[in-house]
């Protein structure tokens, strides 16, 4: 299945523990690249993972969502979706994509049919109202695509981490926008994977020419050691972290 829809909404999943400037830059890099390829970007969503996700030093979703909100002040075309963190437990990425695609379809359908049956205030994708959805001649559908780094792509090969059916569904039904990272070779990884090669037309690889190795892990380590994280995360996120004593910053 080849996804030929050029109307796209970018969705990034992960822990965002904490959200870094690189997380935000991924959206900007992806939008620039896709625009050059003729795509129309209708917005972006960040969906932080549930607290039940087994990851060391994971801050409560209450704090992670608040930090994301702070970070996105400087990136108004991207919004947060708290649907995933409100579920009863951890949700697979395939289900996250499916939920947001379904909600997006409902919104578009209601607008095309000029009905008020949908309560947009309860939908995490309501912000697309100002991004061209009302243009019935061009935007009869918008495709939710998974935005990720090359490290997530290569995690598909980790035994037991991903369900093979989920991988195929994600690439076949939604597609990937992969941001390159130092030390990773996404094109080579795609070639070595039968599933990814089969649907490689649905994978857009974006080269980040301005190398940036900011990671949440390194930021947490610096915070714990009372080292500067300025220009790695937004000032408001840093202030929030220290105000709430996250990542070992209490009394520092």
Protein backbone atom coordinates (compact mmCIF):
# COMPACT_ATOMS: atom_id res chain seq x y z
CA UNK A 1 0.00 0.00 0.00
CA UNK A 2 1.42 3.34 -1.06
CA UNK A 3 0.30 6.41 0.90
CA UNK A 4 -0.13 9.10 -1.73
CA UNK A 5 -1.97 11.57 0.49
CA UNK A 6 0.07 14.78 0.69
CA UNK A 7 -1.98 16.20 3.58
CA UNK A 8 -0.14 15.21 6.74
CA UNK A 9 -0.34 15.63 10.49
CA UNK A 10 2.89 14.68 12.28
CA UNK A 11 2.62 12.72 15.52
CA UNK A 12 5.56 11.96 17.82
CA UNK A 13 5.40 9.49 20.68
CA UNK A 14 7.87 8.86 23.49
CA UNK A 15 8.55 9.66 27.12
CA UNK A 16 9.70 13.30 26.69
CA UNK A 17 11.47 12.98 30.00
CA UNK A 18 12.10 15.92 29.81
CA UNK A 19 11.21 17.46 26.42
CA UNK A 20 14.37 18.88 24.84
CA UNK A 21 14.98 21.44 22.13
CA UNK A 22 15.82 18.56 19.80
CA UNK A 23 12.31 17.13 20.25
CA UNK A 24 10.95 20.45 19.02
CA UNK A 25 13.48 20.77 16.21
CA UNK A 26 12.43 17.39 14.82
CA UNK A 27 9.08 18.90 13.89
CA UNK A 28 10.66 21.92 12.22
CA UNK A 29 13.13 19.80 10.23
CA UNK A 30 10.39 17.42 9.13
CA UNK A 31 8.05 20.23 8.08
CA UNK A 32 10.73 21.92 5.97
CA UNK A 33 11.65 18.68 4.22
CA UNK A 34 8.07 17.56 3.57
CA UNK A 35 7.11 20.99 2.27
CA UNK A 36 9.91 20.70 -0.30
CA UNK A 37 8.47 17.34 -1.37
CA UNK A 38 5.05 18.85 -1.97
CA UNK A 39 3.34 17.85 1.27
CA UNK A 40 1.03 20.14 3.23
CA UNK A 41 1.56 19.93 6.99
CA UNK A 42 -1.62 20.47 8.98
CA UNK A 43 0.01 20.51 12.41
CA UNK A 44 1.84 18.30 14.84
CA UNK A 45 1.05 16.34 17.97
CA UNK A 46 3.20 15.14 20.86
CA UNK A 47 1.80 12.12 22.66
CA UNK A 48 3.77 11.31 25.84
CA UNK A 49 3.79 7.73 27.04
CA UNK A 50 1.79 6.41 29.97
CA UNK A 51 3.31 6.21 33.45
CA UNK A 52 3.05 2.43 33.22
CA UNK A 53 5.78 2.38 30.57
CA UNK A 54 8.73 0.61 32.14
CA UNK A 55 11.51 3.17 31.94
CA UNK A 56 14.04 4.22 34.54
CA UNK A 57 13.66 7.70 36.08
CA UNK A 58 10.37 8.34 34.28
CA UNK A 59 8.76 11.47 35.75
CA UNK A 60 4.99 11.31 36.35
CA UNK A 61 2.92 12.18 33.29
CA UNK A 62 1.44 15.14 35.15
CA UNK A 63 4.87 16.76 35.14
CA UNK A 64 5.86 15.60 31.66
CA UNK A 65 2.67 17.02 30.16
CA UNK A 66 3.22 20.31 31.97
CA UNK A 67 6.79 20.51 30.69
CA UNK A 68 5.66 19.78 27.13
CA UNK A 69 3.09 22.55 27.39
CA UNK A 70 5.83 24.92 28.50
CA UNK A 71 8.15 23.84 25.68
CA UNK A 72 5.48 24.19 22.98
CA UNK A 73 4.94 27.87 23.70
CA UNK A 74 7.70 28.50 21.16
CA UNK A 75 6.23 26.01 18.65
CA UNK A 76 2.52 26.92 18.38
CA UNK A 77 1.76 24.70 15.37
CA UNK A 78 2.44 21.63 17.50
CA UNK A 79 0.12 20.62 20.35
CA UNK A 80 0.11 18.00 23.08
CA UNK A 81 -2.31 15.08 23.21
CA UNK A 82 -2.87 13.67 26.69
CA UNK A 83 -5.07 10.82 25.46
CA UNK A 84 -2.31 8.24 25.85
CA UNK A 85 -1.45 9.18 29.44
CA UNK A 86 -5.14 9.03 30.41
CA UNK A 87 -5.54 5.38 29.43
CA UNK A 88 -5.64 2.59 32.01
CA UNK A 89 -2.18 1.41 31.04
CA UNK A 90 0.55 1.55 28.43
CA UNK A 91 -0.77 1.82 24.85
CA UNK A 92 0.98 0.45 21.77
CA UNK A 93 2.11 3.01 19.19
CA UNK A 94 -0.12 1.45 16.56
CA UNK A 95 -3.16 2.12 18.75
CA UNK A 96 -2.07 5.69 19.42
CA UNK A 97 -1.85 6.36 15.69
CA UNK A 98 -5.17 4.65 15.05
CA UNK A 99 -6.97 6.67 17.73
CA UNK A 100 -5.73 10.02 16.45
CA UNK A 101 -6.40 9.11 12.82
CA UNK A 102 -9.96 8.11 13.72
CA UNK A 103 -10.55 11.34 15.63
CA UNK A 104 -9.11 13.36 12.78
CA UNK A 105 -11.41 11.60 10.31
CA UNK A 106 -14.44 12.40 12.50
CA UNK A 107 -13.56 16.09 12.65
CA UNK A 108 -13.00 16.35 8.91
CA UNK A 109 -16.21 14.46 8.14
CA UNK A 110 -18.25 16.71 10.40
CA UNK A 111 -16.84 19.83 8.75
CA UNK A 112 -17.30 18.55 5.22
CA UNK A 113 -20.93 17.71 6.04
CA UNK A 114 -21.40 21.04 7.82
CA UNK A 115 -22.63 19.41 11.02
CA UNK A 116 -22.10 20.29 14.66
CA UNK A 117 -22.37 16.73 15.92
CA UNK A 118 -18.75 16.53 17.05
CA UNK A 119 -17.71 18.13 20.33
CA UNK A 120 -14.30 19.35 19.23
CA UNK A 121 -13.43 20.57 22.70
CA UNK A 122 -12.88 16.98 23.79
CA UNK A 123 -10.60 16.07 20.89
CA UNK A 124 -6.82 16.44 21.09
CA UNK A 125 -6.64 17.36 17.42
CA UNK A 126 -9.12 20.23 17.57
CA UNK A 127 -6.33 22.71 16.77
CA UNK A 128 -6.33 21.70 13.09
CA UNK A 129 -9.43 23.87 12.69
CA UNK A 130 -7.16 26.72 11.68
CA UNK A 131 -4.96 24.64 9.40
CA UNK A 132 -7.05 24.27 6.26
CA UNK A 133 -9.45 21.47 7.16
CA UNK A 134 -12.37 23.56 6.01
CA UNK A 135 -10.97 23.61 2.48
CA UNK A 136 -13.31 20.91 1.16
CA UNK A 137 -11.81 20.94 -2.32
CA UNK A 138 -8.36 19.89 -1.20
CA UNK A 139 -8.49 18.36 2.27
CA UNK A 140 -10.96 15.54 2.26
CA UNK A 141 -8.44 13.48 4.22
CA UNK A 142 -5.35 14.04 6.31
CA UNK A 143 -2.90 11.25 7.05
CA UNK A 144 -1.40 10.95 10.54
CA UNK A 145 2.29 10.05 10.16
CA UNK A 146 4.65 8.90 12.87
CA UNK A 147 7.56 11.29 13.36
CA UNK A 148 10.57 9.64 14.95
CA UNK A 149 14.33 9.53 15.18
CA UNK A 150 16.48 6.92 13.47
CA UNK A 151 17.00 5.27 16.86
CA UNK A 152 13.30 4.40 17.09
CA UNK A 153 13.39 3.00 13.56
CA UNK A 154 16.27 0.69 14.45
CA UNK A 155 14.50 -0.40 17.64
CA UNK A 156 12.16 -2.36 15.35
CA UNK A 157 14.92 -4.97 15.24
CA UNK A 158 15.19 -5.39 19.02
CA UNK A 159 13.86 -8.88 19.87
CA UNK A 160 10.57 -8.79 21.76
CA UNK A 161 10.26 -5.00 21.75
CA UNK A 162 7.83 -4.60 18.85
CA UNK A 163 5.01 -6.75 17.54
CA UNK A 164 5.71 -7.55 13.87
CA UNK A 165 2.09 -6.97 12.89
CA UNK A 166 2.25 -3.57 14.56
CA UNK A 167 5.39 -2.62 12.64
CA UNK A 168 3.76 -3.56 9.36
CA UNK A 169 0.57 -1.67 10.20
CA UNK A 170 2.47 1.46 11.28
CA UNK A 171 4.49 1.62 8.07
CA UNK A 172 1.73 0.44 5.73
CA UNK A 173 -1.23 2.40 7.10
CA UNK A 174 0.38 5.55 8.54
CA UNK A 175 3.94 5.90 7.31
CA UNK A 176 7.11 7.19 8.94
CA UNK A 177 9.03 10.44 8.87
CA UNK A 178 12.49 9.55 10.19
CA UNK A 179 15.00 12.13 11.34
CA UNK A 180 18.60 10.96 10.91
CA UNK A 181 20.93 10.83 13.91
CA UNK A 182 24.68 10.45 14.22
CA UNK A 183 25.69 6.81 14.38
CA UNK A 184 22.56 5.53 12.64
CA UNK A 185 22.04 4.59 9.01
CA UNK A 186 18.28 4.47 8.37
CA UNK A 187 18.62 3.69 4.66
CA UNK A 188 20.79 0.66 5.43
CA UNK A 189 18.40 -0.47 8.16
CA UNK A 190 15.43 -0.18 5.80
CA UNK A 191 17.29 -2.25 3.20
CA UNK A 192 18.01 -4.99 5.75
CA UNK A 193 14.35 -5.21 6.86
CA UNK A 194 11.90 -7.07 4.62
CA UNK A 195 8.88 -5.25 6.10
CA UNK A 196 10.43 -1.80 5.79
CA UNK A 197 11.66 -2.49 2.26
CA UNK A 198 8.18 -3.66 1.27
CA UNK A 199 6.69 -0.31 2.34
CA UNK A 200 9.72 1.91 1.85
CA UNK A 201 7.66 4.30 -0.30
CA UNK A 202 5.85 5.23 2.94
CA UNK A 203 9.07 6.14 4.76
CA UNK A 204 10.51 9.62 4.40
CA UNK A 205 14.07 9.92 5.72
CA UNK A 206 15.07 13.46 6.67
CA UNK A 207 18.77 14.23 7.03
CA UNK A 208 19.66 16.55 9.89
CA UNK A 209 22.70 18.32 8.53
CA UNK A 210 23.19 20.38 11.68
CA UNK A 211 24.33 17.68 14.08
CA UNK A 212 22.62 17.85 17.46
CA UNK A 213 23.09 15.09 20.00
CA UNK A 214 20.84 16.44 22.75
CA UNK A 215 19.11 13.62 24.58
CA UNK A 216 16.77 13.51 27.57
CA UNK A 217 19.14 11.07 29.26
CA UNK A 218 22.06 13.50 29.05
CA UNK A 219 19.87 16.37 30.23
CA UNK A 220 18.70 14.38 33.26
CA UNK A 221 22.30 13.51 34.10
CA UNK A 222 23.37 17.16 33.89
CA UNK A 223 20.45 18.26 36.05
CA UNK A 224 21.25 15.66 38.69
CA UNK A 225 24.85 16.92 38.79
CA UNK A 226 23.71 20.54 39.03
CA UNK A 227 25.31 21.31 35.65
CA UNK A 228 23.97 23.85 33.16
CA UNK A 229 21.32 22.70 30.70
CA UNK A 230 20.79 26.12 29.16
CA UNK A 231 20.07 25.95 25.40
CA UNK A 232 19.39 22.20 25.73
CA UNK A 233 15.86 22.66 27.07
CA UNK A 234 13.71 25.77 27.20
CA UNK A 235 14.18 28.10 30.15
CA UNK A 236 10.58 27.56 31.22
CA UNK A 237 11.04 23.78 31.26
CA UNK A 238 14.21 24.14 33.33
CA UNK A 239 12.40 26.39 35.77
CA UNK A 240 9.55 23.89 36.06
CA UNK A 241 11.96 21.03 36.71
CA UNK A 242 13.74 22.89 39.50
CA UNK A 243 10.52 24.21 40.99
CA UNK A 244 9.22 20.66 41.37
CA UNK A 245 12.52 19.03 42.25
CA UNK A 246 12.51 16.64 39.28
CA UNK A 247 15.51 14.53 38.24
CA UNK A 248 17.40 14.99 41.47
CA UNK A 249 17.32 18.80 41.44
CA UNK A 250 15.61 19.14 44.81
CA UNK A 251 17.55 21.45 47.16
CA UNK A 252 20.20 22.18 44.50
